[in-house]
Every structure is written in structure tokens, then in C-alpha cells.
């Protein structure tokens, strides 16, 4: 079971692909449970999962720029890999805060190279 919404899976795959084999990443995405979910009161949120096949050394996955759009709300994403954990950060990228139900909306992903 995955804790990630479809758009979040897409973002993780885009950002982590240069650092982990796609087959390994699919196993991680399909077979993890949430370690934590942290909502930052409109500024964004963090989802952390763990899996034994994830790297122990810190890797920051922030290229290419990935933007999410839902209605008038825009956000950016960063993935952190460290100590067998993967953390997806979704942060505000515009004038509007990220609403509490953002993950339940249709979110379009755009990659800026």
C-alpha cells in the first residue's frame, strides 16, 4: 500500500530517478507506510516513509524544478533521502497558502528544466 497520491508519486519518480534505480523506487513507493505526516499550516507539508533499500547517506533531490498546480494554488517539491527514509516536501510557491485538502484535489505537475 502506498501513502502517496498519484501526483506525489509522479513528483518522487521525477526527482529521485537520477539517484535510485526505477525498479527499486517502485518497490519503495508500493511497499511503504507513512512514518510521519507534518502539515506546516498553509506553508506546505512533509511526508516521510522508510524502507531498508533507501540510502543512508543524505541526498537532496531538487532538480529539475517540479511545480504542482491546483486551481490558483502553486507549490514546489523537494525529496530528501537519508537513513533509510524518503521525505517528500511540498512547499508554497505562490501567493496563496496550500489548503489542508490540497492532496485531495487534482494537481497538475509541470517540470521546469
N, C-alpha and C. Protein backbone atom coordinates (compact mmCIF):
# COMPACT_ATOMS: atom_id res chain seq x y z
N UNK A 1 0.84 -1.18 0.00
CA UNK A 1 0.00 0.00 0.00
C UNK A 1 0.89 1.25 0.00
N UNK A 2 0.51 2.23 -0.75
CA UNK A 2 1.29 3.46 -0.82
C UNK A 2 0.59 4.58 -0.07
N UNK A 3 1.37 5.46 0.49
CA UNK A 3 0.82 6.61 1.20
C UNK A 3 0.77 7.83 0.29
N UNK A 4 1.37 7.72 -0.87
CA UNK A 4 1.46 8.85 -1.79
C UNK A 4 0.27 8.91 -2.74
N UNK A 5 -0.21 10.12 -2.98
CA UNK A 5 -1.22 10.36 -4.01
C UNK A 5 -0.53 10.22 -5.36
N UNK A 6 -1.31 10.06 -6.43
CA UNK A 6 -0.73 9.87 -7.76
C UNK A 6 0.22 10.99 -8.16
N UNK A 7 -0.16 12.24 -7.90
CA UNK A 7 0.72 13.34 -8.28
C UNK A 7 2.01 13.32 -7.46
N UNK A 8 1.94 12.90 -6.20
CA UNK A 8 3.13 12.82 -5.36
C UNK A 8 4.06 11.71 -5.84
N UNK A 9 3.50 10.59 -6.25
CA UNK A 9 4.32 9.52 -6.84
C UNK A 9 5.06 10.02 -8.06
N UNK A 10 4.34 10.75 -8.91
CA UNK A 10 4.94 11.29 -10.12
C UNK A 10 6.11 12.22 -9.76
N UNK A 11 5.91 13.08 -8.78
CA UNK A 11 6.97 14.00 -8.34
C UNK A 11 8.17 13.23 -7.81
N UNK A 12 7.92 12.26 -6.94
CA UNK A 12 9.03 11.47 -6.37
C UNK A 12 9.80 10.77 -7.48
N UNK A 13 9.09 10.17 -8.42
CA UNK A 13 9.77 9.48 -9.52
C UNK A 13 10.64 10.43 -10.32
N UNK A 14 10.15 11.63 -10.61
CA UNK A 14 10.92 12.62 -11.38
C UNK A 14 12.18 13.03 -10.63
N UNK A 15 12.03 13.34 -9.35
CA UNK A 15 13.14 13.88 -8.59
C UNK A 15 14.16 12.83 -8.14
N UNK A 16 13.70 11.61 -7.88
CA UNK A 16 14.60 10.59 -7.33
C UNK A 16 15.24 9.74 -8.42
N UNK A 17 14.66 9.75 -9.62
CA UNK A 17 15.14 8.90 -10.72
C UNK A 17 16.66 8.97 -10.94
N UNK A 18 17.30 10.15 -10.86
CA UNK A 18 18.75 10.18 -11.08
C UNK A 18 19.56 9.50 -9.96
N UNK A 19 18.93 9.18 -8.83
CA UNK A 19 19.66 8.69 -7.67
C UNK A 19 19.39 7.23 -7.31
N UNK A 20 18.26 6.70 -7.77
CA UNK A 20 17.85 5.33 -7.43
C UNK A 20 17.30 4.67 -8.69
N UNK A 21 17.58 3.39 -8.84
CA UNK A 21 17.02 2.65 -9.97
C UNK A 21 15.50 2.67 -9.92
N UNK A 22 14.86 2.82 -11.07
CA UNK A 22 13.41 2.93 -11.14
C UNK A 22 12.72 1.71 -10.52
N UNK A 23 13.26 0.51 -10.73
CA UNK A 23 12.66 -0.71 -10.16
C UNK A 23 12.68 -0.65 -8.63
N UNK A 24 13.80 -0.20 -8.07
CA UNK A 24 13.92 -0.08 -6.62
C UNK A 24 12.94 0.97 -6.10
N UNK A 25 12.82 2.08 -6.81
CA UNK A 25 11.92 3.15 -6.38
C UNK A 25 10.48 2.69 -6.39
N UNK A 26 10.08 1.94 -7.41
CA UNK A 26 8.70 1.43 -7.46
C UNK A 26 8.42 0.52 -6.27
N UNK A 27 9.38 -0.30 -5.88
CA UNK A 27 9.21 -1.17 -4.70
C UNK A 27 9.01 -0.32 -3.46
N UNK A 28 9.83 0.72 -3.32
CA UNK A 28 9.70 1.61 -2.17
C UNK A 28 8.33 2.28 -2.16
N UNK A 29 7.91 2.82 -3.30
CA UNK A 29 6.64 3.54 -3.36
C UNK A 29 5.43 2.63 -3.14
N UNK A 30 5.55 1.38 -3.55
CA UNK A 30 4.42 0.45 -3.43
C UNK A 30 4.35 -0.26 -2.09
N UNK A 31 5.46 -0.25 -1.33
CA UNK A 31 5.53 -1.07 -0.11
C UNK A 31 5.99 -0.30 1.11
N UNK A 32 5.52 0.91 1.26
CA UNK A 32 5.88 1.68 2.45
C UNK A 32 4.62 2.15 3.16
N UNK A 33 4.80 2.40 4.42
CA UNK A 33 3.76 3.04 5.20
C UNK A 33 4.32 4.34 5.73
N UNK A 34 3.45 5.27 5.99
CA UNK A 34 3.89 6.58 6.45
C UNK A 34 4.56 6.48 7.81
N UNK A 35 5.74 7.06 7.90
CA UNK A 35 6.41 7.21 9.17
C UNK A 35 5.88 8.46 9.85
N UNK A 36 5.68 9.51 9.02
CA UNK A 36 5.12 10.73 9.58
C UNK A 36 4.53 11.59 8.47
N UNK A 37 3.56 12.39 8.86
CA UNK A 37 2.99 13.42 8.00
C UNK A 37 2.97 14.69 8.84
N UNK A 38 3.58 15.74 8.31
CA UNK A 38 3.66 17.01 9.03
C UNK A 38 3.07 18.11 8.17
N UNK A 39 2.03 18.75 8.66
CA UNK A 39 1.39 19.86 7.96
C UNK A 39 1.93 21.16 8.55
N UNK A 40 2.43 22.04 7.69
CA UNK A 40 3.01 23.30 8.15
C UNK A 40 2.05 24.47 7.96
N UNK A 41 0.84 24.32 8.38
CA UNK A 41 -0.16 25.40 8.46
C UNK A 41 -0.16 26.32 7.24
N UNK A 42 -0.41 25.75 6.08
CA UNK A 42 -0.54 26.55 4.86
C UNK A 42 0.75 26.72 4.09
N UNK A 43 1.90 26.55 4.74
CA UNK A 43 3.18 26.70 4.06
C UNK A 43 3.55 25.45 3.27
N UNK A 44 2.90 24.33 3.59
CA UNK A 44 3.19 23.08 2.90
C UNK A 44 3.08 21.89 3.83
N UNK A 45 3.71 20.78 3.41
CA UNK A 45 3.67 19.57 4.23
C UNK A 45 4.86 18.68 3.90
N UNK A 46 5.13 17.73 4.80
CA UNK A 46 6.17 16.73 4.63
C UNK A 46 5.55 15.35 4.82
N UNK A 47 5.92 14.42 3.96
CA UNK A 47 5.54 13.02 4.14
C UNK A 47 6.84 12.23 4.19
N UNK A 48 7.02 11.43 5.24
CA UNK A 48 8.22 10.62 5.39
C UNK A 48 7.83 9.15 5.44
N UNK A 49 8.54 8.36 4.65
CA UNK A 49 8.37 6.90 4.65
C UNK A 49 9.75 6.27 4.82
N UNK A 50 9.77 5.02 5.26
CA UNK A 50 11.06 4.34 5.36
C UNK A 50 11.02 3.02 4.61
N UNK A 51 12.20 2.60 4.19
CA UNK A 51 12.36 1.32 3.50
C UNK A 51 13.84 0.94 3.61
N UNK A 52 14.14 -0.33 3.89
CA UNK A 52 15.53 -0.72 4.09
C UNK A 52 16.43 -0.54 2.86
N UNK A 53 15.85 -0.43 1.69
CA UNK A 53 16.68 -0.30 0.49
C UNK A 53 17.06 1.16 0.18
N UNK A 54 16.52 2.10 0.95
CA UNK A 54 16.86 3.50 0.71
C UNK A 54 18.24 3.82 1.26
N UNK A 55 18.94 4.76 0.65
CA UNK A 55 20.32 5.05 1.06
C UNK A 55 20.41 5.64 2.47
N UNK A 56 21.56 5.45 3.10
CA UNK A 56 21.78 6.03 4.42
C UNK A 56 22.39 7.42 4.31
N UNK A 57 23.15 7.66 3.25
CA UNK A 57 23.76 8.99 3.10
C UNK A 57 22.71 9.98 2.61
N UNK A 58 22.88 11.22 2.97
CA UNK A 58 21.91 12.27 2.63
C UNK A 58 22.02 12.65 1.15
N UNK A 59 20.88 12.62 0.47
CA UNK A 59 20.79 13.06 -0.92
C UNK A 59 19.60 14.02 -1.00
N UNK A 60 19.84 15.22 -1.50
CA UNK A 60 18.77 16.20 -1.71
C UNK A 60 18.41 16.17 -3.19
N UNK A 61 17.17 15.86 -3.48
CA UNK A 61 16.68 15.72 -4.86
C UNK A 61 15.80 16.93 -5.18
N UNK A 62 16.41 17.93 -5.81
CA UNK A 62 15.67 19.16 -6.08
C UNK A 62 15.77 19.62 -7.53
N UNK A 63 16.30 18.78 -8.39
CA UNK A 63 16.42 19.10 -9.82
C UNK A 63 15.82 17.97 -10.63
N UNK A 64 15.07 18.24 -11.64
CA UNK A 64 14.65 19.55 -12.15
C UNK A 64 13.61 20.17 -11.22
N UNK A 65 13.30 21.45 -11.45
CA UNK A 65 12.25 22.10 -10.68
C UNK A 65 10.91 21.47 -11.07
N UNK A 66 10.16 21.07 -10.06
CA UNK A 66 8.85 20.47 -10.28
C UNK A 66 7.83 21.34 -9.57
N UNK A 67 6.83 21.77 -10.32
CA UNK A 67 5.78 22.63 -9.79
C UNK A 67 4.45 21.91 -9.87
N UNK A 68 3.66 22.02 -8.81
CA UNK A 68 2.31 21.48 -8.80
C UNK A 68 1.32 22.62 -8.84
N UNK A 69 0.23 22.42 -9.58
CA UNK A 69 -0.81 23.45 -9.69
C UNK A 69 -2.18 22.81 -9.48
N UNK A 70 -2.96 23.46 -8.63
CA UNK A 70 -4.35 23.06 -8.42
C UNK A 70 -5.15 24.33 -8.22
N UNK A 71 -6.01 24.61 -9.20
CA UNK A 71 -6.76 25.87 -9.20
C UNK A 71 -5.76 27.01 -9.18
N UNK A 72 -5.82 27.90 -8.21
CA UNK A 72 -4.91 29.05 -8.14
C UNK A 72 -3.70 28.80 -7.24
N UNK A 73 -3.59 27.61 -6.69
CA UNK A 73 -2.51 27.30 -5.76
C UNK A 73 -1.35 26.65 -6.51
N UNK A 74 -0.14 27.16 -6.27
CA UNK A 74 1.07 26.58 -6.85
C UNK A 74 1.99 26.13 -5.72
N UNK A 75 2.72 25.05 -5.98
CA UNK A 75 3.66 24.56 -4.98
C UNK A 75 4.90 24.00 -5.66
N UNK A 76 5.95 23.88 -4.89
CA UNK A 76 7.18 23.26 -5.34
C UNK A 76 7.47 22.03 -4.49
N UNK A 77 8.43 21.22 -4.94
CA UNK A 77 8.72 19.97 -4.26
C UNK A 77 10.22 19.74 -4.14
N UNK A 78 10.60 19.06 -3.05
CA UNK A 78 11.96 18.58 -2.83
C UNK A 78 11.82 17.21 -2.17
N UNK A 79 12.72 16.29 -2.54
CA UNK A 79 12.75 14.98 -1.88
C UNK A 79 14.10 14.84 -1.18
N UNK A 80 14.06 14.36 0.06
CA UNK A 80 15.27 14.10 0.83
C UNK A 80 15.37 12.59 1.06
N UNK A 81 16.54 12.04 0.81
CA UNK A 81 16.82 10.64 1.11
C UNK A 81 17.90 10.61 2.18
N UNK A 82 17.69 9.84 3.25
CA UNK A 82 18.69 9.75 4.30
C UNK A 82 18.26 8.73 5.34
N UNK A 83 19.22 7.96 5.83
CA UNK A 83 18.98 6.99 6.91
C UNK A 83 17.83 6.04 6.62
N UNK A 84 17.73 5.58 5.38
CA UNK A 84 16.68 4.64 5.02
C UNK A 84 15.30 5.26 4.93
N UNK A 85 15.24 6.59 4.87
CA UNK A 85 13.96 7.28 4.77
C UNK A 85 13.90 8.15 3.52
N UNK A 86 12.69 8.36 3.04
CA UNK A 86 12.40 9.27 1.94
C UNK A 86 11.39 10.28 2.46
N UNK A 87 11.73 11.57 2.34
CA UNK A 87 10.83 12.63 2.76
C UNK A 87 10.48 13.48 1.55
N UNK A 88 9.20 13.60 1.28
CA UNK A 88 8.70 14.50 0.24
C UNK A 88 8.26 15.78 0.91
N UNK A 89 8.85 16.90 0.47
CA UNK A 89 8.44 18.22 0.94
C UNK A 89 7.63 18.89 -0.15
N UNK A 90 6.47 19.38 0.20
CA UNK A 90 5.63 20.19 -0.69
C UNK A 90 5.55 21.56 -0.04
N UNK A 91 6.00 22.60 -0.76
CA UNK A 91 6.02 23.94 -0.18
C UNK A 91 5.32 24.94 -1.09
N UNK A 92 4.78 25.96 -0.48
CA UNK A 92 4.06 27.01 -1.21
C UNK A 92 4.99 27.67 -2.22
N UNK A 93 4.43 27.93 -3.40
CA UNK A 93 5.21 28.51 -4.49
C UNK A 93 4.38 29.61 -5.14
N UNK A 94 3.82 30.44 -4.36
CA UNK A 94 2.97 31.48 -4.91
C UNK A 94 2.41 32.34 -3.80
N UNK A 95 1.39 33.07 -4.15
CA UNK A 95 0.80 33.99 -3.19
C UNK A 95 -0.18 33.31 -2.24
N UNK A 96 -0.73 32.18 -2.65
CA UNK A 96 -1.74 31.51 -1.83
C UNK A 96 -1.13 30.38 -1.01
N UNK A 97 -1.62 30.22 0.22
CA UNK A 97 -1.22 29.11 1.06
C UNK A 97 -1.73 27.79 0.49
N UNK A 98 -1.12 26.71 0.89
CA UNK A 98 -1.57 25.38 0.48
C UNK A 98 -2.69 24.96 1.42
N UNK A 99 -3.89 24.75 0.89
CA UNK A 99 -5.02 24.41 1.77
C UNK A 99 -4.86 23.01 2.35
N UNK A 100 -5.54 22.77 3.44
CA UNK A 100 -5.46 21.50 4.16
C UNK A 100 -5.87 20.32 3.28
N UNK A 101 -6.78 20.55 2.33
CA UNK A 101 -7.26 19.46 1.47
C UNK A 101 -6.53 19.42 0.12
N UNK A 102 -5.39 20.06 0.01
CA UNK A 102 -4.66 20.14 -1.25
C UNK A 102 -4.41 18.77 -1.87
N UNK A 103 -4.04 17.80 -1.07
CA UNK A 103 -3.71 16.45 -1.55
C UNK A 103 -4.92 15.75 -2.15
N UNK A 104 -6.11 16.20 -1.81
CA UNK A 104 -7.33 15.57 -2.31
C UNK A 104 -7.78 16.16 -3.65
N UNK A 105 -7.15 17.23 -4.07
CA UNK A 105 -7.52 17.90 -5.32
C UNK A 105 -6.76 17.32 -6.51
N UNK A 106 -7.23 17.64 -7.71
CA UNK A 106 -6.49 17.30 -8.92
C UNK A 106 -5.31 18.26 -9.02
N UNK A 107 -4.10 17.72 -8.99
CA UNK A 107 -2.89 18.53 -9.05
C UNK A 107 -2.15 18.20 -10.33
N UNK A 108 -1.90 19.22 -11.13
CA UNK A 108 -1.13 19.06 -12.37
C UNK A 108 0.33 19.32 -12.08
N UNK A 109 1.19 18.49 -12.63
CA UNK A 109 2.63 18.59 -12.42
C UNK A 109 3.28 19.16 -13.66
N UNK A 110 4.19 20.13 -13.44
CA UNK A 110 4.96 20.72 -14.53
C UNK A 110 6.43 20.65 -14.16
N UNK A 111 7.25 20.23 -15.11
CA UNK A 111 8.69 20.13 -14.91
C UNK A 111 9.35 21.29 -15.63
N UNK A 112 10.15 22.07 -14.90
CA UNK A 112 10.88 23.20 -15.46
C UNK A 112 12.35 22.80 -15.53
N UNK A 113 12.88 22.75 -16.73
CA UNK A 113 14.29 22.33 -16.88
C UNK A 113 15.22 23.49 -16.98
